[in-house]
Amino acid sequence: MKNIQIIDGAENCTFPIFQATDDEFALIFPDPGQDIEFAEDLWKRIRKTHPRALDGLWERPILKTEANGIHGTLFYDFRSKRKRFPKTKRERDWDPRAINAAQRRLYGRESA
């Protein structure tokens, strides 16, 4: 199982984590190394071929204190901000100017 955090514009600000099977994870994040997805892209891609494929995902929430890592982030209602995200939808591909020095070292990009 892989953990996916849901980030949305909800007033409750809970940002829950759900456990996804390998098949569910691959459906949500189809590209190599992808760990960011936007709900509108996901549903556009799967609504006709796999409309109920993620029903089980919503039945597997996990406590943040029990999560062993977050493997992907699914964003809802981020249309206005998505232009700032890496086009690759990989967290490690942020513009070096958008992250701090420690993150640049982590992602192997020393220069800013």
N, C-alpha and C. Protein backbone atom coordinates (compact mmCIF):
# COMPACT_ATOMS: atom_id res chain seq x y z
N MET A 1 0.83 -1.18 0.00
CA MET A 1 0.00 0.00 0.00
C MET A 1 0.88 1.25 0.00
N LYS A 2 0.40 2.27 -0.68
CA LYS A 2 1.09 3.56 -0.72
C LYS A 2 0.15 4.62 -0.17
N ASN A 3 0.72 5.60 0.48
CA ASN A 3 -0.06 6.65 1.12
C ASN A 3 -0.18 7.87 0.23
N ILE A 4 -1.42 8.36 0.11
CA ILE A 4 -1.70 9.53 -0.70
C ILE A 4 -2.36 10.58 0.19
N GLN A 5 -1.79 11.78 0.20
CA GLN A 5 -2.40 12.86 0.96
C GLN A 5 -3.29 13.67 0.03
N ILE A 6 -4.46 14.02 0.54
CA ILE A 6 -5.42 14.80 -0.22
C ILE A 6 -5.35 16.25 0.28
N ILE A 7 -5.05 17.16 -0.62
CA ILE A 7 -4.99 18.57 -0.29
C ILE A 7 -6.11 19.26 -1.07
N ASP A 8 -6.97 19.95 -0.34
CA ASP A 8 -8.08 20.62 -1.03
C ASP A 8 -8.36 21.97 -0.38
N GLY A 9 -9.34 22.66 -0.91
CA GLY A 9 -9.68 23.97 -0.41
C GLY A 9 -10.74 23.95 0.67
N ALA A 10 -10.99 22.80 1.27
CA ALA A 10 -12.04 22.67 2.27
C ALA A 10 -11.76 23.53 3.50
N GLU A 11 -12.82 24.03 4.07
CA GLU A 11 -12.71 24.85 5.27
C GLU A 11 -12.16 24.08 6.46
N ASN A 12 -12.37 22.75 6.49
CA ASN A 12 -11.94 21.97 7.65
C ASN A 12 -10.43 21.74 7.71
N CYS A 13 -9.74 21.94 6.61
CA CYS A 13 -8.27 21.84 6.56
C CYS A 13 -7.74 20.53 7.15
N THR A 14 -8.40 19.42 6.91
CA THR A 14 -7.94 18.16 7.50
C THR A 14 -6.81 17.52 6.71
N PHE A 15 -6.79 17.67 5.38
CA PHE A 15 -5.76 17.12 4.51
C PHE A 15 -5.44 15.66 4.86
N PRO A 16 -6.43 14.78 4.72
CA PRO A 16 -6.28 13.39 5.14
C PRO A 16 -5.33 12.59 4.27
N ILE A 17 -4.93 11.45 4.80
CA ILE A 17 -4.08 10.49 4.07
C ILE A 17 -4.87 9.20 3.92
N PHE A 18 -4.83 8.64 2.71
CA PHE A 18 -5.50 7.38 2.42
C PHE A 18 -4.49 6.39 1.87
N GLN A 19 -4.73 5.12 2.12
CA GLN A 19 -3.86 4.06 1.60
C GLN A 19 -4.39 3.58 0.26
N ALA A 20 -3.51 3.56 -0.74
CA ALA A 20 -3.87 3.13 -2.09
C ALA A 20 -3.18 1.81 -2.41
N THR A 21 -3.89 0.96 -3.11
CA THR A 21 -3.26 -0.26 -3.63
C THR A 21 -2.29 0.16 -4.73
N ASP A 22 -1.45 -0.75 -5.16
CA ASP A 22 -0.52 -0.43 -6.25
C ASP A 22 -1.28 -0.06 -7.52
N ASP A 23 -2.39 -0.74 -7.80
CA ASP A 23 -3.19 -0.43 -8.99
C ASP A 23 -3.83 0.95 -8.89
N GLU A 24 -4.36 1.28 -7.72
CA GLU A 24 -4.95 2.61 -7.54
C GLU A 24 -3.90 3.70 -7.68
N PHE A 25 -2.75 3.47 -7.07
CA PHE A 25 -1.67 4.45 -7.15
C PHE A 25 -1.26 4.67 -8.60
N ALA A 26 -1.12 3.60 -9.36
CA ALA A 26 -0.72 3.71 -10.77
C ALA A 26 -1.79 4.42 -11.60
N LEU A 27 -3.02 4.27 -11.23
CA LEU A 27 -4.10 4.95 -11.93
C LEU A 27 -4.06 6.46 -11.64
N ILE A 28 -3.77 6.81 -10.41
CA ILE A 28 -3.73 8.22 -10.02
C ILE A 28 -2.46 8.90 -10.53
N PHE A 29 -1.34 8.21 -10.43
CA PHE A 29 -0.04 8.77 -10.82
C PHE A 29 0.56 7.90 -11.93
N PRO A 30 0.11 8.06 -13.18
CA PRO A 30 0.49 7.13 -14.24
C PRO A 30 1.89 7.30 -14.83
N ASP A 31 2.49 8.46 -14.68
CA ASP A 31 3.78 8.69 -15.31
C ASP A 31 4.94 8.30 -14.40
N PRO A 32 6.07 7.89 -14.97
CA PRO A 32 7.23 7.50 -14.16
C PRO A 32 7.65 8.61 -13.20
N GLY A 33 7.76 8.26 -11.92
CA GLY A 33 8.20 9.21 -10.91
C GLY A 33 7.16 10.23 -10.49
N GLN A 34 6.00 10.21 -11.11
CA GLN A 34 4.96 11.18 -10.78
C GLN A 34 4.47 10.99 -9.35
N ASP A 35 4.38 12.08 -8.59
CA ASP A 35 3.86 12.01 -7.22
C ASP A 35 2.93 13.17 -6.91
N ILE A 36 2.54 13.92 -7.94
CA ILE A 36 1.58 15.01 -7.84
C ILE A 36 0.51 14.78 -8.90
N GLU A 37 -0.76 14.95 -8.51
CA GLU A 37 -1.83 14.89 -9.49
C GLU A 37 -2.92 15.87 -9.09
N PHE A 38 -3.63 16.36 -10.08
CA PHE A 38 -4.75 17.27 -9.86
C PHE A 38 -6.03 16.51 -10.15
N ALA A 39 -7.00 16.66 -9.27
CA ALA A 39 -8.24 15.88 -9.38
C ALA A 39 -8.90 16.05 -10.74
N GLU A 40 -8.91 17.27 -11.27
CA GLU A 40 -9.58 17.46 -12.57
C GLU A 40 -8.89 16.67 -13.68
N ASP A 41 -7.56 16.55 -13.63
CA ASP A 41 -6.85 15.73 -14.63
C ASP A 41 -7.16 14.26 -14.43
N LEU A 42 -7.15 13.83 -13.18
CA LEU A 42 -7.43 12.43 -12.86
C LEU A 42 -8.81 12.03 -13.35
N TRP A 43 -9.84 12.79 -12.98
CA TRP A 43 -11.21 12.40 -13.33
C TRP A 43 -11.44 12.51 -14.83
N LYS A 44 -10.82 13.46 -15.49
CA LYS A 44 -10.94 13.55 -16.94
C LYS A 44 -10.36 12.29 -17.59
N ARG A 45 -9.27 11.80 -17.03
CA ARG A 45 -8.58 10.64 -17.58
C ARG A 45 -9.32 9.33 -17.31
N ILE A 46 -9.95 9.18 -16.13
CA ILE A 46 -10.51 7.87 -15.77
C ILE A 46 -12.03 7.79 -15.73
N ARG A 47 -12.73 8.90 -15.83
CA ARG A 47 -14.18 8.87 -15.58
C ARG A 47 -14.96 7.92 -16.49
N LYS A 48 -14.54 7.76 -17.72
CA LYS A 48 -15.26 6.87 -18.64
C LYS A 48 -14.80 5.42 -18.55
N THR A 49 -13.52 5.22 -18.35
CA THR A 49 -12.98 3.86 -18.36
C THR A 49 -12.94 3.20 -16.99
N HIS A 50 -12.76 3.99 -15.93
CA HIS A 50 -12.63 3.46 -14.57
C HIS A 50 -13.41 4.32 -13.57
N PRO A 51 -14.70 4.56 -13.78
CA PRO A 51 -15.42 5.52 -12.94
C PRO A 51 -15.49 5.18 -11.46
N ARG A 52 -15.40 3.92 -11.10
CA ARG A 52 -15.51 3.52 -9.70
C ARG A 52 -14.21 2.92 -9.16
N ALA A 53 -13.13 3.08 -9.90
CA ALA A 53 -11.87 2.43 -9.56
C ALA A 53 -11.29 2.87 -8.23
N LEU A 54 -11.64 4.06 -7.77
CA LEU A 54 -11.06 4.57 -6.53
C LEU A 54 -12.02 4.50 -5.35
N ASP A 55 -13.15 3.86 -5.51
CA ASP A 55 -14.12 3.76 -4.41
C ASP A 55 -13.49 3.17 -3.16
N GLY A 56 -12.66 2.15 -3.30
CA GLY A 56 -12.03 1.51 -2.15
C GLY A 56 -11.03 2.41 -1.44
N LEU A 57 -10.37 3.27 -2.19
CA LEU A 57 -9.38 4.18 -1.62
C LEU A 57 -9.98 5.01 -0.49
N TRP A 58 -11.19 5.51 -0.69
CA TRP A 58 -11.82 6.39 0.30
C TRP A 58 -12.25 5.64 1.56
N GLU A 59 -12.18 4.33 1.51
CA GLU A 59 -12.51 3.51 2.68
C GLU A 59 -11.26 3.14 3.49
N ARG A 60 -10.09 3.63 3.07
CA ARG A 60 -8.84 3.28 3.74
C ARG A 60 -8.08 4.51 4.23
N PRO A 61 -8.71 5.32 5.09
CA PRO A 61 -7.95 6.44 5.67
C PRO A 61 -6.93 5.89 6.67
N ILE A 62 -5.88 6.65 6.89
CA ILE A 62 -4.86 6.25 7.86
C ILE A 62 -4.51 7.47 8.70
N LEU A 63 -4.26 7.24 9.96
CA LEU A 63 -3.84 8.33 10.84
C LEU A 63 -2.48 8.84 10.40
N LYS A 64 -2.28 10.12 10.45
CA LYS A 64 -0.99 10.69 10.06
C LYS A 64 0.13 10.15 10.92
N THR A 65 -0.14 9.88 12.18
CA THR A 65 0.89 9.37 13.07
C THR A 65 1.25 7.92 12.74
N GLU A 66 0.42 7.24 11.99
CA GLU A 66 0.69 5.85 11.62
C GLU A 66 1.15 5.70 10.18
N ALA A 67 1.14 6.78 9.43
CA ALA A 67 1.57 6.72 8.03
C ALA A 67 3.08 6.58 7.95
N ASN A 68 3.52 5.64 7.16
CA ASN A 68 4.95 5.45 6.94
C ASN A 68 5.30 6.12 5.61
N GLY A 69 5.31 7.44 5.63
CA GLY A 69 5.62 8.21 4.44
C GLY A 69 4.38 8.59 3.65
N ILE A 70 4.55 9.60 2.80
CA ILE A 70 3.53 10.01 1.85
C ILE A 70 4.14 9.82 0.47
N HIS A 71 3.49 9.02 -0.34
CA HIS A 71 4.04 8.64 -1.64
C HIS A 71 3.51 9.50 -2.78
N GLY A 72 2.42 10.22 -2.52
CA GLY A 72 1.84 11.07 -3.55
C GLY A 72 0.86 12.05 -2.94
N THR A 73 0.58 13.13 -3.69
CA THR A 73 -0.36 14.15 -3.25
C THR A 73 -1.37 14.38 -4.35
N LEU A 74 -2.65 14.32 -3.97
CA LEU A 74 -3.74 14.57 -4.90
C LEU A 74 -4.38 15.90 -4.51
N PHE A 75 -4.36 16.85 -5.43
CA PHE A 75 -4.86 18.20 -5.17
C PHE A 75 -6.25 18.38 -5.77
N TYR A 76 -7.15 18.92 -4.97
CA TYR A 76 -8.48 19.30 -5.43
C TYR A 76 -8.59 20.81 -5.37
N ASP A 77 -9.26 21.41 -6.35
CA ASP A 77 -9.52 22.85 -6.37
C ASP A 77 -8.24 23.67 -6.39
N PHE A 78 -7.27 23.27 -7.20
CA PHE A 78 -6.01 24.00 -7.30
C PHE A 78 -5.81 24.59 -8.70
N ARG A 79 -6.91 24.82 -9.43
CA ARG A 79 -6.81 25.33 -10.79
C ARG A 79 -5.99 26.63 -10.87
N SER A 80 -6.22 27.52 -9.92
CA SER A 80 -5.54 28.81 -9.98
C SER A 80 -4.06 28.70 -9.62
N LYS A 81 -3.66 27.66 -8.90
CA LYS A 81 -2.27 27.53 -8.47
C LYS A 81 -1.48 26.52 -9.28
N ARG A 82 -2.15 25.71 -10.08
CA ARG A 82 -1.45 24.62 -10.74
C ARG A 82 -0.37 25.08 -11.70
N LYS A 83 -0.45 26.29 -12.20
CA LYS A 83 0.58 26.78 -13.13
C LYS A 83 1.94 26.91 -12.44
N ARG A 84 1.93 26.93 -11.11
CA ARG A 84 3.18 27.04 -10.36
C ARG A 84 3.84 25.69 -10.10
N PHE A 85 3.11 24.62 -10.34
CA PHE A 85 3.62 23.27 -10.09
C PHE A 85 4.50 22.81 -11.26
N PRO A 86 5.44 21.90 -10.99
CA PRO A 86 6.25 21.37 -12.09
C PRO A 86 5.36 20.69 -13.13
N LYS A 87 5.64 20.93 -14.38
CA LYS A 87 4.85 20.33 -15.45
C LYS A 87 4.93 18.80 -15.43
N THR A 88 6.02 18.28 -14.89
CA THR A 88 6.22 16.83 -14.81
C THR A 88 5.35 16.18 -13.74
N LYS A 89 4.79 17.00 -12.84
CA LYS A 89 4.02 16.52 -11.70
C LYS A 89 4.87 15.63 -10.79
N ARG A 90 6.15 16.01 -10.68
CA ARG A 90 7.08 15.34 -9.77
C ARG A 90 7.59 16.37 -8.79
N GLU A 91 7.44 16.07 -7.51
CA GLU A 91 7.86 17.01 -6.48
C GLU A 91 9.33 17.42 -6.61
N ARG A 92 10.15 16.50 -7.01
CA ARG A 92 11.59 16.78 -7.10
C ARG A 92 11.93 17.75 -8.23
N ASP A 93 10.98 18.09 -9.08
CA ASP A 93 11.24 18.96 -10.22
C ASP A 93 10.83 20.42 -10.00
N TRP A 94 10.66 20.83 -8.74
CA TRP A 94 10.34 22.22 -8.46
C TRP A 94 11.45 23.12 -8.99
N ASP A 95 11.09 24.30 -9.41
CA ASP A 95 12.07 25.31 -9.80
C ASP A 95 12.96 25.55 -8.58
N PRO A 96 14.28 25.50 -8.72
CA PRO A 96 15.18 25.67 -7.57
C PRO A 96 14.94 26.97 -6.80
N ARG A 97 14.42 27.99 -7.47
CA ARG A 97 14.15 29.27 -6.79
C ARG A 97 12.93 29.18 -5.88
N ALA A 98 12.13 28.12 -6.04
CA ALA A 98 10.90 27.97 -5.25
C ALA A 98 11.11 27.15 -3.98
N ILE A 99 12.31 26.62 -3.79
CA ILE A 99 12.58 25.76 -2.63
C ILE A 99 13.84 26.23 -1.92
N ASN A 100 14.00 25.78 -0.69
CA ASN A 100 15.17 26.25 0.07
C ASN A 100 16.42 25.42 -0.25
N ALA A 101 17.54 25.85 0.28
CA ALA A 101 18.84 25.22 -0.03
C ALA A 101 18.86 23.75 0.35
N ALA A 102 18.27 23.40 1.48
CA ALA A 102 18.26 21.99 1.91
C ALA A 102 17.46 21.14 0.93
N GLN A 103 16.35 21.66 0.42
CA GLN A 103 15.56 20.92 -0.57
C GLN A 103 16.33 20.79 -1.88
N ARG A 104 17.04 21.85 -2.28
CA ARG A 104 17.85 21.75 -3.50
C ARG A 104 18.91 20.66 -3.36
N ARG A 105 19.54 20.58 -2.17
CA ARG A 105 20.52 19.51 -1.95
C ARG A 105 19.84 18.15 -1.99
N LEU A 106 18.68 18.05 -1.36
CA LEU A 106 17.92 16.79 -1.35
C LEU A 106 17.63 16.31 -2.77
N TYR A 107 17.22 17.23 -3.60
CA TYR A 107 16.85 16.88 -4.98
C TYR A 107 18.06 16.90 -5.92
N GLY A 108 19.25 17.14 -5.36
CA GLY A 108 20.47 17.09 -6.17
C GLY A 108 20.64 18.29 -7.10
N ARG A 109 20.11 19.44 -6.68
CA ARG A 109 20.24 20.65 -7.48
C ARG A 109 20.84 21.74 -6.63
N GLU A 110 22.14 21.73 -6.53
CA GLU A 110 22.85 22.65 -5.65
C GLU A 110 22.68 24.11 -6.01
N SER A 111 22.68 24.45 -7.28
CA SER A 111 22.62 25.86 -7.67
C SER A 111 21.18 26.37 -7.69
N ALA A 112 21.04 27.66 -7.48
CA ALA A 112 19.69 28.27 -7.47
C ALA A 112 19.46 29.06 -8.72
